[in-house]
């Protein structure tokens, strides 16, 4: 079902600025100075993989959706150091201590969170960095206030980036259908899990309905 959703979204959604892209620069600030091998899980049409490729010798970018991978390859012809592959990470054999950076953006909420963190942890080399950006479930007045502030900020940012204030109907309907089987963790739960499996991880809430998780492997 998730694969079908994203195959459809790949064909109808425009590339460009969005809530995830807004935090790309923040994530890149936490990269090691240079990475030999980087991995992105859930690469979509390859926007962040292309940024990683400027700072890495080789990037392996995985996505469940064949249509997303097709478009990622089309958009990345000038990045020969990116290997885009269709893969289900629940079945993909994570290599041991193979990557200097592993990134995942708006993907882990589709997956068993703790078990994927353990797999990514094992696949990082010592000194390697894990970068996660994902959506979270609000909990309490602080998150409600943050969300209320985010709405007008979102409008201003869309205008600043030349985006439509309202997505085309087909895009809205596709995201609404997808959202019916989406679930998000509250950040308090993310922090509890990280305390067990990624000691020292920095988990931070961001304004546009996202949280980040940054962890460096000792």
N, C-alpha and C. Protein backbone atom coordinates (compact mmCIF):
# COMPACT_ATOMS: atom_id res chain seq x y z
N UNK A 1 0.82 -1.21 0.00
CA UNK A 1 0.00 0.00 0.00
C UNK A 1 0.86 1.26 0.00
N UNK A 2 1.91 1.29 0.85
CA UNK A 2 2.78 2.46 0.90
C UNK A 2 3.48 2.65 -0.43
N UNK A 3 3.94 1.55 -1.05
CA UNK A 3 4.61 1.65 -2.34
C UNK A 3 3.67 2.26 -3.38
N UNK A 4 2.43 1.81 -3.41
CA UNK A 4 1.47 2.35 -4.38
C UNK A 4 1.22 3.83 -4.14
N UNK A 5 1.10 4.22 -2.86
CA UNK A 5 0.89 5.63 -2.54
C UNK A 5 2.01 6.50 -3.11
N UNK A 6 3.25 6.07 -2.88
CA UNK A 6 4.38 6.90 -3.29
C UNK A 6 4.66 6.80 -4.78
N UNK A 7 4.32 5.69 -5.41
CA UNK A 7 4.38 5.65 -6.87
C UNK A 7 3.45 6.70 -7.47
N UNK A 8 2.26 6.82 -6.88
CA UNK A 8 1.30 7.82 -7.37
C UNK A 8 1.80 9.24 -7.10
N UNK A 9 2.29 9.49 -5.88
CA UNK A 9 2.78 10.82 -5.54
C UNK A 9 3.97 11.23 -6.40
N UNK A 10 4.81 10.27 -6.76
CA UNK A 10 5.97 10.58 -7.60
C UNK A 10 5.54 11.17 -8.93
N UNK A 11 4.39 10.74 -9.44
CA UNK A 11 3.94 11.17 -10.75
C UNK A 11 3.21 12.50 -10.74
N UNK A 12 2.71 12.93 -9.58
CA UNK A 12 1.86 14.12 -9.57
C UNK A 12 2.40 15.28 -8.74
N UNK A 13 3.33 15.00 -7.82
CA UNK A 13 3.80 16.08 -6.94
C UNK A 13 5.01 16.78 -7.55
N UNK A 14 5.03 18.10 -7.46
CA UNK A 14 6.13 18.88 -7.98
C UNK A 14 7.31 18.85 -7.01
N UNK A 15 8.53 18.87 -7.56
CA UNK A 15 9.71 19.03 -6.71
C UNK A 15 9.83 20.49 -6.28
N UNK A 16 10.65 20.73 -5.30
CA UNK A 16 10.88 22.10 -4.85
C UNK A 16 10.80 22.19 -3.34
N UNK A 17 10.61 23.41 -2.86
CA UNK A 17 10.60 23.63 -1.42
C UNK A 17 9.43 22.90 -0.76
N UNK A 18 9.69 22.36 0.42
CA UNK A 18 8.66 21.75 1.24
C UNK A 18 9.14 21.70 2.67
N UNK A 19 8.34 21.15 3.55
CA UNK A 19 8.70 21.10 4.97
C UNK A 19 9.98 20.30 5.20
N UNK A 20 10.13 19.20 4.49
CA UNK A 20 11.37 18.42 4.67
C UNK A 20 12.58 19.17 4.12
N UNK A 21 12.43 19.73 2.93
CA UNK A 21 13.55 20.45 2.31
C UNK A 21 13.98 21.65 3.16
N UNK A 22 13.06 22.21 3.91
CA UNK A 22 13.39 23.36 4.75
C UNK A 22 14.49 23.03 5.75
N UNK A 23 14.59 21.76 6.14
CA UNK A 23 15.57 21.36 7.16
C UNK A 23 16.79 20.63 6.59
N UNK A 24 16.92 20.60 5.28
CA UNK A 24 18.09 19.96 4.69
C UNK A 24 19.39 20.61 5.16
N UNK A 25 19.44 21.93 5.14
CA UNK A 25 20.68 22.62 5.53
C UNK A 25 21.02 22.34 6.98
N UNK A 26 20.02 22.26 7.83
CA UNK A 26 20.25 21.93 9.24
C UNK A 26 20.90 20.55 9.36
N UNK A 27 20.38 19.56 8.64
CA UNK A 27 20.94 18.22 8.70
C UNK A 27 22.37 18.20 8.18
N UNK A 28 22.63 18.91 7.09
CA UNK A 28 23.96 18.89 6.50
C UNK A 28 25.02 19.49 7.43
N UNK A 29 24.61 20.38 8.30
CA UNK A 29 25.58 20.96 9.23
C UNK A 29 26.15 19.91 10.19
N UNK A 30 25.48 18.78 10.32
CA UNK A 30 25.91 17.75 11.25
C UNK A 30 26.68 16.61 10.58
N UNK A 31 26.92 16.74 9.29
CA UNK A 31 27.71 15.73 8.59
C UNK A 31 29.17 15.79 9.04
N UNK A 32 29.86 14.66 9.01
CA UNK A 32 31.32 14.70 9.14
C UNK A 32 31.91 15.56 8.02
N UNK A 33 33.12 16.10 8.19
CA UNK A 33 33.70 16.98 7.17
C UNK A 33 33.70 16.36 5.78
N UNK A 34 33.99 15.08 5.68
CA UNK A 34 33.87 14.37 4.40
C UNK A 34 33.49 12.92 4.69
N UNK A 35 32.61 12.41 3.87
CA UNK A 35 32.15 11.03 4.03
C UNK A 35 32.62 10.21 2.84
N UNK A 36 33.19 9.07 3.12
CA UNK A 36 33.50 8.14 2.04
C UNK A 36 32.22 7.50 1.52
N UNK A 37 31.43 6.92 2.44
CA UNK A 37 30.22 6.19 2.08
C UNK A 37 29.03 6.74 2.87
N UNK A 38 27.97 7.13 2.16
CA UNK A 38 26.74 7.60 2.80
C UNK A 38 25.56 6.78 2.31
N UNK A 39 24.57 6.65 3.17
CA UNK A 39 23.35 5.90 2.86
C UNK A 39 22.16 6.77 3.17
N UNK A 40 21.19 6.82 2.25
CA UNK A 40 19.90 7.45 2.56
C UNK A 40 18.81 6.41 2.44
N UNK A 41 17.97 6.33 3.46
CA UNK A 41 16.84 5.42 3.49
C UNK A 41 15.57 6.21 3.23
N UNK A 42 14.87 5.86 2.16
CA UNK A 42 13.67 6.61 1.78
C UNK A 42 14.04 7.88 1.04
N UNK A 43 14.74 7.73 -0.07
CA UNK A 43 15.33 8.90 -0.74
C UNK A 43 14.34 9.68 -1.60
N UNK A 44 13.15 9.12 -1.89
CA UNK A 44 12.21 9.84 -2.75
C UNK A 44 12.83 10.12 -4.11
N UNK A 45 12.66 11.35 -4.59
CA UNK A 45 13.19 11.70 -5.90
C UNK A 45 14.63 12.21 -5.84
N UNK A 46 15.28 12.06 -4.68
CA UNK A 46 16.73 12.22 -4.62
C UNK A 46 17.26 13.58 -4.22
N UNK A 47 16.41 14.48 -3.72
CA UNK A 47 16.88 15.83 -3.40
C UNK A 47 17.99 15.83 -2.35
N UNK A 48 17.79 15.09 -1.26
CA UNK A 48 18.82 15.09 -0.22
C UNK A 48 20.01 14.22 -0.62
N UNK A 49 19.77 13.17 -1.37
CA UNK A 49 20.88 12.34 -1.85
C UNK A 49 21.84 13.17 -2.70
N UNK A 50 21.31 14.09 -3.49
CA UNK A 50 22.19 14.94 -4.30
C UNK A 50 23.01 15.87 -3.43
N UNK A 51 22.45 16.34 -2.34
CA UNK A 51 23.23 17.16 -1.40
C UNK A 51 24.30 16.32 -0.72
N UNK A 52 23.96 15.11 -0.33
CA UNK A 52 24.96 14.22 0.27
C UNK A 52 26.09 13.92 -0.72
N UNK A 53 25.75 13.80 -2.00
CA UNK A 53 26.75 13.45 -3.00
C UNK A 53 27.82 14.52 -3.15
N UNK A 54 27.50 15.76 -2.78
CA UNK A 54 28.50 16.83 -2.85
C UNK A 54 29.50 16.74 -1.72
N UNK A 55 29.17 15.96 -0.70
CA UNK A 55 30.02 15.84 0.48
C UNK A 55 30.49 14.41 0.72
N UNK A 56 30.20 13.51 -0.20
CA UNK A 56 30.51 12.09 -0.03
C UNK A 56 31.17 11.55 -1.29
N UNK A 57 32.04 10.57 -1.11
CA UNK A 57 32.63 9.90 -2.26
C UNK A 57 31.58 9.06 -2.99
N UNK A 58 30.74 8.37 -2.22
CA UNK A 58 29.71 7.52 -2.80
C UNK A 58 28.46 7.57 -1.93
N UNK A 59 27.30 7.64 -2.57
CA UNK A 59 26.01 7.65 -1.88
C UNK A 59 25.18 6.48 -2.40
N UNK A 60 24.65 5.70 -1.48
CA UNK A 60 23.67 4.67 -1.79
C UNK A 60 22.32 5.18 -1.31
N UNK A 61 21.36 5.28 -2.23
CA UNK A 61 20.05 5.86 -1.89
C UNK A 61 18.97 4.83 -2.19
N UNK A 62 18.18 4.49 -1.18
CA UNK A 62 17.18 3.43 -1.28
C UNK A 62 15.77 4.01 -1.16
N UNK A 63 14.85 3.42 -1.92
CA UNK A 63 13.44 3.78 -1.75
C UNK A 63 12.59 2.60 -2.18
N UNK A 64 11.44 2.47 -1.54
CA UNK A 64 10.52 1.37 -1.83
C UNK A 64 9.80 1.57 -3.16
N UNK A 65 9.68 2.83 -3.59
CA UNK A 65 8.87 3.16 -4.76
C UNK A 65 9.68 3.15 -6.05
N UNK A 66 9.38 2.27 -7.00
CA UNK A 66 10.09 2.29 -8.28
C UNK A 66 9.95 3.61 -9.03
N UNK A 67 8.77 4.25 -8.92
CA UNK A 67 8.59 5.53 -9.61
C UNK A 67 9.46 6.62 -9.00
N UNK A 68 9.59 6.63 -7.68
CA UNK A 68 10.48 7.59 -7.03
C UNK A 68 11.92 7.38 -7.50
N UNK A 69 12.36 6.14 -7.56
CA UNK A 69 13.73 5.84 -7.98
C UNK A 69 13.93 6.22 -9.45
N UNK A 70 12.94 5.96 -10.28
CA UNK A 70 13.05 6.34 -11.70
C UNK A 70 13.27 7.85 -11.83
N UNK A 71 12.46 8.64 -11.11
CA UNK A 71 12.61 10.09 -11.18
C UNK A 71 13.91 10.54 -10.55
N UNK A 72 14.32 9.89 -9.44
CA UNK A 72 15.59 10.25 -8.80
C UNK A 72 16.74 10.08 -9.78
N UNK A 73 16.74 8.98 -10.52
CA UNK A 73 17.80 8.77 -11.50
C UNK A 73 17.75 9.81 -12.61
N UNK A 74 16.55 10.15 -13.06
CA UNK A 74 16.43 11.16 -14.12
C UNK A 74 16.94 12.52 -13.66
N UNK A 75 16.68 12.86 -12.39
CA UNK A 75 17.07 14.17 -11.88
C UNK A 75 18.54 14.23 -11.44
N UNK A 76 19.23 13.09 -11.47
CA UNK A 76 20.58 13.02 -10.89
C UNK A 76 21.63 12.57 -11.90
N UNK A 77 21.40 12.87 -13.16
CA UNK A 77 22.32 12.39 -14.19
C UNK A 77 23.72 12.99 -14.04
N UNK A 78 23.81 14.12 -13.38
CA UNK A 78 25.12 14.76 -13.18
C UNK A 78 25.76 14.35 -11.84
N UNK A 79 25.22 13.32 -11.22
CA UNK A 79 25.75 12.82 -9.95
C UNK A 79 26.08 11.33 -10.10
N UNK A 80 27.18 11.02 -10.79
CA UNK A 80 27.51 9.60 -11.01
C UNK A 80 27.89 8.86 -9.74
N UNK A 81 28.10 9.59 -8.64
CA UNK A 81 28.47 8.92 -7.39
C UNK A 81 27.26 8.54 -6.54
N UNK A 82 26.05 8.63 -7.11
CA UNK A 82 24.86 8.16 -6.40
C UNK A 82 24.36 6.88 -7.04
N UNK A 83 24.15 5.87 -6.23
CA UNK A 83 23.57 4.60 -6.67
C UNK A 83 22.15 4.52 -6.10
N UNK A 84 21.16 4.73 -6.95
CA UNK A 84 19.76 4.65 -6.54
C UNK A 84 19.26 3.22 -6.72
N UNK A 85 18.64 2.67 -5.68
CA UNK A 85 18.15 1.30 -5.74
C UNK A 85 16.74 1.22 -5.16
N UNK A 86 15.89 0.43 -5.80
CA UNK A 86 14.59 0.09 -5.23
C UNK A 86 14.82 -0.99 -4.18
N UNK A 87 14.40 -0.72 -2.96
CA UNK A 87 14.65 -1.69 -1.88
C UNK A 87 13.63 -1.52 -0.76
N UNK A 88 13.26 -2.63 -0.16
CA UNK A 88 12.46 -2.65 1.06
C UNK A 88 13.45 -2.80 2.22
N UNK A 89 13.62 -1.75 3.02
CA UNK A 89 14.65 -1.79 4.06
C UNK A 89 14.32 -2.80 5.16
N UNK A 90 13.09 -3.27 5.22
CA UNK A 90 12.77 -4.32 6.19
C UNK A 90 13.44 -5.63 5.81
N UNK A 91 13.75 -5.78 4.53
CA UNK A 91 14.39 -7.00 4.05
C UNK A 91 15.82 -6.77 3.59
N UNK A 92 16.22 -5.52 3.45
CA UNK A 92 17.55 -5.20 2.92
C UNK A 92 18.63 -5.59 3.92
N UNK A 93 19.71 -6.24 3.48
CA UNK A 93 20.78 -6.67 4.40
C UNK A 93 21.73 -5.51 4.73
N UNK A 94 21.52 -4.87 5.86
CA UNK A 94 22.38 -3.77 6.27
C UNK A 94 23.80 -4.30 6.51
N UNK A 95 24.81 -3.74 5.83
CA UNK A 95 26.18 -4.20 6.08
C UNK A 95 26.71 -3.65 7.40
N UNK A 96 27.60 -4.38 8.01
CA UNK A 96 28.15 -3.99 9.31
C UNK A 96 29.20 -2.90 9.14
N UNK A 97 29.06 -1.81 9.89
CA UNK A 97 30.07 -0.74 9.97
C UNK A 97 30.55 -0.31 8.59
N UNK A 98 29.59 0.04 7.71
CA UNK A 98 29.92 0.33 6.31
C UNK A 98 29.82 1.81 5.93
N UNK A 99 29.10 2.62 6.73
CA UNK A 99 28.78 3.98 6.29
C UNK A 99 29.26 5.03 7.27
N UNK A 100 29.71 6.16 6.70
CA UNK A 100 30.10 7.31 7.52
C UNK A 100 28.89 8.17 7.89
N UNK A 101 27.85 8.08 7.08
CA UNK A 101 26.61 8.82 7.37
C UNK A 101 25.44 7.98 6.90
N UNK A 102 24.40 7.92 7.72
CA UNK A 102 23.12 7.32 7.32
C UNK A 102 22.04 8.36 7.60
N UNK A 103 21.25 8.65 6.58
CA UNK A 103 20.20 9.66 6.70
C UNK A 103 18.85 9.06 6.35
N UNK A 104 17.81 9.57 6.99
CA UNK A 104 16.45 9.16 6.68
C UNK A 104 15.52 10.33 6.94
N UNK A 105 14.74 10.70 5.93
CA UNK A 105 13.86 11.87 6.02
C UNK A 105 12.42 11.44 5.76
N UNK A 106 11.56 11.70 6.74
CA UNK A 106 10.12 11.42 6.63
C UNK A 106 9.85 9.98 6.17
N UNK A 107 10.59 9.04 6.74
CA UNK A 107 10.46 7.64 6.34
C UNK A 107 10.25 6.71 7.53
N UNK A 108 10.93 6.96 8.64
CA UNK A 108 10.92 6.00 9.74
C UNK A 108 9.54 5.83 10.37
N UNK A 109 8.63 6.81 10.20
CA UNK A 109 7.30 6.61 10.79
C UNK A 109 6.52 5.52 10.07
N UNK A 110 7.01 5.08 8.90
CA UNK A 110 6.38 3.97 8.20
C UNK A 110 6.92 2.62 8.66
N UNK A 111 7.93 2.62 9.50
CA UNK A 111 8.71 1.41 9.78
C UNK A 111 8.77 1.14 11.28
N UNK A 112 9.14 -0.09 11.69
CA UNK A 112 9.35 -0.36 13.11
C UNK A 112 10.55 0.44 13.61
N UNK A 113 10.28 1.49 14.35
CA UNK A 113 11.27 2.53 14.64
C UNK A 113 12.50 1.99 15.35
N UNK A 114 12.29 1.31 16.47
CA UNK A 114 13.43 0.88 17.28
C UNK A 114 14.31 -0.12 16.54
N UNK A 115 13.71 -1.08 15.87
CA UNK A 115 14.51 -2.08 15.18
C UNK A 115 15.30 -1.47 14.02
N UNK A 116 14.73 -0.45 13.34
CA UNK A 116 15.48 0.22 12.28
C UNK A 116 16.63 1.04 12.84
N UNK A 117 16.41 1.68 13.99
CA UNK A 117 17.52 2.41 14.61
C UNK A 117 18.68 1.47 14.92
N UNK A 118 18.37 0.27 15.42
CA UNK A 118 19.43 -0.69 15.74
C UNK A 118 20.18 -1.13 14.48
N UNK A 119 19.46 -1.33 13.39
CA UNK A 119 20.12 -1.72 12.14
C UNK A 119 21.01 -0.59 11.62
N UNK A 120 20.51 0.64 11.69
CA UNK A 120 21.32 1.77 11.22
C UNK A 120 22.53 1.98 12.12
N UNK A 121 22.34 1.81 13.41
CA UNK A 121 23.46 1.92 14.35
C UNK A 121 24.56 0.93 14.01
N UNK A 122 24.19 -0.31 13.74
CA UNK A 122 25.19 -1.32 13.42
C UNK A 122 25.88 -1.04 12.08
N UNK A 123 25.17 -0.39 11.16
CA UNK A 123 25.73 -0.13 9.83
C UNK A 123 26.64 1.08 9.79
N UNK A 124 26.63 1.89 10.85
CA UNK A 124 27.52 3.06 10.91
C UNK A 124 28.93 2.64 11.33
N UNK A 125 29.91 3.31 10.73
CA UNK A 125 31.29 3.15 11.19
C UNK A 125 31.49 3.95 12.47
N UNK A 126 32.46 3.60 13.30
CA UNK A 126 32.79 4.45 14.45
C UNK A 126 33.09 5.88 13.98
N UNK A 127 32.50 6.85 14.67
CA UNK A 127 32.62 8.24 14.26
C UNK A 127 31.60 8.66 13.23
N UNK A 128 30.81 7.70 12.72
CA UNK A 128 29.78 8.01 11.74
C UNK A 128 28.58 8.70 12.38
N UNK A 129 27.77 9.34 11.53
CA UNK A 129 26.66 10.15 12.01
C UNK A 129 25.34 9.66 11.44
N UNK A 130 24.34 9.57 12.32
CA UNK A 130 22.98 9.24 11.93
C UNK A 130 22.16 10.53 11.92
N UNK A 131 21.46 10.77 10.81
CA UNK A 131 20.63 11.96 10.64
C UNK A 131 19.20 11.52 10.34
N UNK A 132 18.27 11.89 11.19
CA UNK A 132 16.86 11.55 10.99
C UNK A 132 16.03 12.82 11.07
N UNK A 133 15.13 12.98 10.12
CA UNK A 133 14.11 14.02 10.18
C UNK A 133 12.78 13.34 9.93
N UNK A 134 11.81 13.59 10.81
CA UNK A 134 10.53 12.91 10.63
C UNK A 134 9.42 13.73 11.29
N UNK A 135 8.20 13.30 11.03
CA UNK A 135 7.03 13.95 11.62
C UNK A 135 6.77 13.37 13.00
N UNK A 136 6.11 14.16 13.85
CA UNK A 136 5.80 13.66 15.19
C UNK A 136 4.36 13.96 15.55
N UNK A 137 3.86 13.18 16.49
CA UNK A 137 2.53 13.38 17.04
C UNK A 137 2.60 14.40 18.16
N UNK A 138 1.84 15.47 18.05
CA UNK A 138 1.83 16.48 19.10
C UNK A 138 1.26 15.93 20.39
N UNK A 139 1.74 16.50 21.50
CA UNK A 139 1.24 16.08 22.81
C UNK A 139 1.31 17.28 23.75
N UNK A 140 0.15 17.82 24.08
CA UNK A 140 0.11 18.88 25.07
C UNK A 140 0.08 20.28 24.49
N UNK A 141 -0.17 21.28 25.36
CA UNK A 141 -0.34 22.67 24.92
C UNK A 141 0.86 23.25 24.18
N UNK A 142 2.07 22.86 24.58
CA UNK A 142 3.25 23.39 23.90
C UNK A 142 3.26 23.05 22.42
N UNK A 143 2.90 21.82 22.09
CA UNK A 143 2.87 21.41 20.69
C UNK A 143 1.69 22.06 19.96
N UNK A 144 0.57 22.24 20.63
CA UNK A 144 -0.55 22.92 19.98
C UNK A 144 -0.18 24.37 19.65
N UNK A 145 0.51 25.02 20.58
CA UNK A 145 0.95 26.40 20.32
C UNK A 145 1.95 26.43 19.17
N UNK A 146 2.90 25.49 19.17
CA UNK A 146 3.90 25.44 18.10
C UNK A 146 3.20 25.25 16.74
N UNK A 147 2.19 24.39 16.71
CA UNK A 147 1.48 24.16 15.46
C UNK A 147 0.72 25.41 15.02
N UNK A 148 0.13 26.13 15.98
CA UNK A 148 -0.57 27.36 15.63
C UNK A 148 0.35 28.41 15.04
N UNK A 149 1.56 28.49 15.55
CA UNK A 149 2.54 29.43 15.01
C UNK A 149 3.02 28.97 13.63
N UNK A 150 3.11 27.64 13.45
CA UNK A 150 3.65 27.10 12.21
C UNK A 150 2.77 27.43 11.00
N UNK A 151 1.45 27.51 11.18
CA UNK A 151 0.57 27.74 10.03
C UNK A 151 0.88 29.05 9.30
N UNK A 152 0.91 30.21 10.00
CA UNK A 152 1.25 31.44 9.25
C UNK A 152 2.68 31.45 8.74
N UNK A 153 3.61 30.85 9.48
CA UNK A 153 5.00 30.77 9.01
C UNK A 153 5.06 29.96 7.73
N UNK A 154 4.31 28.88 7.68
CA UNK A 154 4.26 28.04 6.49
C UNK A 154 3.78 28.84 5.27
N UNK A 155 2.76 29.65 5.46
CA UNK A 155 2.25 30.48 4.37
C UNK A 155 3.32 31.44 3.86
N UNK A 156 4.01 32.10 4.78
CA UNK A 156 5.06 33.04 4.40
C UNK A 156 6.20 32.35 3.66
N UNK A 157 6.58 31.17 4.13
CA UNK A 157 7.66 30.44 3.48
C UNK A 157 7.26 29.96 2.08
N UNK A 158 6.03 29.53 1.93
CA UNK A 158 5.56 29.14 0.60
C UNK A 158 5.61 30.33 -0.36
N UNK A 159 5.17 31.48 0.10
CA UNK A 159 5.21 32.67 -0.75
C UNK A 159 6.65 33.03 -1.10
N UNK A 160 7.54 32.94 -0.11
CA UNK A 160 8.94 33.30 -0.33
C UNK A 160 9.60 32.38 -1.35
N UNK A 161 9.16 31.12 -1.42
CA UNK A 161 9.76 30.16 -2.34
C UNK A 161 8.95 29.98 -3.62
N UNK A 162 7.98 30.85 -3.84
CA UNK A 162 7.20 30.80 -5.07
C UNK A 162 6.30 29.60 -5.19
N UNK A 163 5.89 29.04 -4.06
CA UNK A 163 5.02 27.87 -4.07
C UNK A 163 3.55 28.29 -4.02
N UNK A 164 2.69 27.44 -4.54
CA UNK A 164 1.25 27.68 -4.42
C UNK A 164 0.86 27.53 -2.95
N UNK A 165 -0.09 28.35 -2.52
CA UNK A 165 -0.57 28.23 -1.15
C UNK A 165 -1.40 26.97 -0.96
N UNK A 166 -1.98 26.49 -2.04
CA UNK A 166 -2.81 25.28 -1.98
C UNK A 166 -2.35 24.33 -3.08
N UNK A 167 -1.99 23.11 -2.69
CA UNK A 167 -1.54 22.13 -3.68
C UNK A 167 -2.67 21.78 -4.64
N UNK A 168 -2.33 21.31 -5.84
CA UNK A 168 -3.37 20.85 -6.76
C UNK A 168 -4.24 19.76 -6.13
N UNK A 169 -5.48 19.66 -6.58
CA UNK A 169 -6.44 18.74 -5.99
C UNK A 169 -5.93 17.31 -5.98
N UNK A 170 -5.31 16.87 -7.06
CA UNK A 170 -4.83 15.48 -7.14
C UNK A 170 -3.78 15.21 -6.08
N UNK A 171 -2.92 16.19 -5.81
CA UNK A 171 -1.88 16.02 -4.79
C UNK A 171 -2.51 15.96 -3.41
N UNK A 172 -3.46 16.87 -3.14
CA UNK A 172 -4.13 16.88 -1.84
C UNK A 172 -4.85 15.56 -1.59
N UNK A 173 -5.53 15.05 -2.61
CA UNK A 173 -6.27 13.80 -2.44
C UNK A 173 -5.32 12.62 -2.22
N UNK A 174 -4.19 12.61 -2.93
CA UNK A 174 -3.24 11.51 -2.77
C UNK A 174 -2.64 11.52 -1.37
N UNK A 175 -2.28 12.70 -0.87
CA UNK A 175 -1.73 12.78 0.49
C UNK A 175 -2.78 12.43 1.55
N UNK A 176 -4.03 12.84 1.30
CA UNK A 176 -5.10 12.51 2.26
C UNK A 176 -5.32 11.01 2.33
N UNK A 177 -5.28 10.35 1.17
CA UNK A 177 -5.45 8.89 1.15
C UNK A 177 -4.29 8.21 1.87
N UNK A 178 -3.10 8.71 1.66
CA UNK A 178 -1.92 8.14 2.31
C UNK A 178 -1.98 8.35 3.83
N UNK A 179 -2.43 9.54 4.25
CA UNK A 179 -2.43 9.88 5.67
C UNK A 179 -3.38 9.01 6.48
N UNK A 180 -4.34 8.36 5.82
CA UNK A 180 -5.30 7.54 6.56
C UNK A 180 -4.63 6.35 7.24
N UNK A 181 -3.46 5.93 6.75
CA UNK A 181 -2.78 4.82 7.42
C UNK A 181 -1.39 5.24 7.89
N UNK A 182 -1.20 6.55 8.11
CA UNK A 182 0.04 7.06 8.69
C UNK A 182 -0.11 7.22 10.20
N UNK A 183 0.91 6.86 10.95
CA UNK A 183 0.95 7.13 12.38
C UNK A 183 2.32 7.69 12.73
N UNK A 184 2.35 8.57 13.75
CA UNK A 184 3.58 9.23 14.15
C UNK A 184 3.82 9.01 15.64
N UNK A 185 5.08 8.95 16.01
CA UNK A 185 5.43 8.84 17.42
C UNK A 185 5.47 10.23 18.05
N UNK A 186 5.06 10.37 19.30
CA UNK A 186 5.34 11.60 20.03
C UNK A 186 6.83 11.69 20.32
N UNK A 187 7.35 12.89 20.40
CA UNK A 187 8.79 13.06 20.61
C UNK A 187 9.23 12.49 21.95
N UNK A 188 8.36 12.52 22.94
CA UNK A 188 8.74 11.92 24.23
C UNK A 188 9.06 10.44 24.07
N UNK A 189 8.33 9.74 23.21
CA UNK A 189 8.60 8.32 22.97
C UNK A 189 9.89 8.14 22.17
N UNK A 190 10.11 9.01 21.19
CA UNK A 190 11.36 8.96 20.43
C UNK A 190 12.55 9.10 21.38
N UNK A 191 12.45 10.03 22.31
CA UNK A 191 13.56 10.24 23.26
C UNK A 191 13.76 9.03 24.17
N UNK A 192 12.67 8.40 24.59
CA UNK A 192 12.81 7.21 25.45
C UNK A 192 13.51 6.08 24.71
N UNK A 193 13.13 5.88 23.46
CA UNK A 193 13.76 4.82 22.67
C UNK A 193 15.23 5.14 22.44
N UNK A 194 15.53 6.39 22.12
CA UNK A 194 16.92 6.78 21.88
C UNK A 194 17.77 6.62 23.14
N UNK A 195 17.20 6.91 24.29
CA UNK A 195 17.95 6.74 25.53
C UNK A 195 18.40 5.30 25.71
N UNK A 196 17.60 4.35 25.19
CA UNK A 196 17.95 2.93 25.31
C UNK A 196 18.94 2.48 24.23
N UNK A 197 18.72 2.92 22.99
CA UNK A 197 19.50 2.33 21.88
C UNK A 197 20.54 3.27 21.28
N UNK A 198 20.38 4.59 21.48
CA UNK A 198 21.34 5.56 20.95
C UNK A 198 21.71 6.57 22.04
N UNK A 199 22.39 6.13 23.07
CA UNK A 199 22.74 7.06 24.16
C UNK A 199 23.50 8.28 23.63
N UNK A 200 23.07 9.45 24.08
CA UNK A 200 23.71 10.68 23.63
C UNK A 200 23.07 11.30 22.41
N UNK A 201 22.07 10.65 21.83
CA UNK A 201 21.39 11.23 20.66
C UNK A 201 20.71 12.54 21.04
N UNK A 202 20.75 13.49 20.13
CA UNK A 202 20.10 14.79 20.33
C UNK A 202 18.81 14.80 19.52
N UNK A 203 17.68 14.86 20.21
CA UNK A 203 16.36 14.88 19.57
C UNK A 203 15.77 16.26 19.80
N UNK A 204 15.38 16.90 18.72
CA UNK A 204 14.94 18.30 18.78
C UNK A 204 13.65 18.48 17.99
N UNK A 205 12.68 19.18 18.57
CA UNK A 205 11.47 19.54 17.83
C UNK A 205 11.74 20.77 16.97
N UNK A 206 11.14 20.77 15.76
CA UNK A 206 11.24 21.91 14.86
C UNK A 206 9.85 22.45 14.57
N UNK A 207 9.80 23.67 14.08
CA UNK A 207 8.52 24.35 13.96
C UNK A 207 7.57 23.68 12.97
N UNK A 208 8.06 23.28 11.82
CA UNK A 208 7.17 22.82 10.75
C UNK A 208 6.83 21.34 10.88
N UNK A 209 6.34 20.96 12.05
CA UNK A 209 5.78 19.63 12.30
C UNK A 209 6.82 18.52 12.11
N UNK A 210 8.06 18.81 12.42
CA UNK A 210 9.13 17.83 12.25
C UNK A 210 9.98 17.77 13.52
N UNK A 211 10.65 16.63 13.71
CA UNK A 211 11.70 16.54 14.72
C UNK A 211 12.97 16.03 14.04
N UNK A 212 14.10 16.32 14.65
CA UNK A 212 15.37 15.78 14.15
C UNK A 212 16.00 14.91 15.22
N UNK A 213 16.74 13.92 14.76
CA UNK A 213 17.51 13.03 15.63
C UNK A 213 18.93 13.00 15.06
N UNK A 214 19.88 13.43 15.86
CA UNK A 214 21.29 13.46 15.44
C UNK A 214 22.08 12.60 16.43
N UNK A 215 22.84 11.65 15.89
CA UNK A 215 23.64 10.78 16.76
C UNK A 215 24.96 10.46 16.10
N UNK A 216 26.05 10.58 16.86
CA UNK A 216 27.37 10.20 16.38
C UNK A 216 27.81 8.94 17.09
N UNK A 217 28.20 7.95 16.31
CA UNK A 217 28.61 6.67 16.87
C UNK A 217 29.99 6.79 17.51
N UNK A 218 30.14 6.38 18.75
CA UNK A 218 31.45 6.47 19.40
C UNK A 218 32.52 5.64 18.66
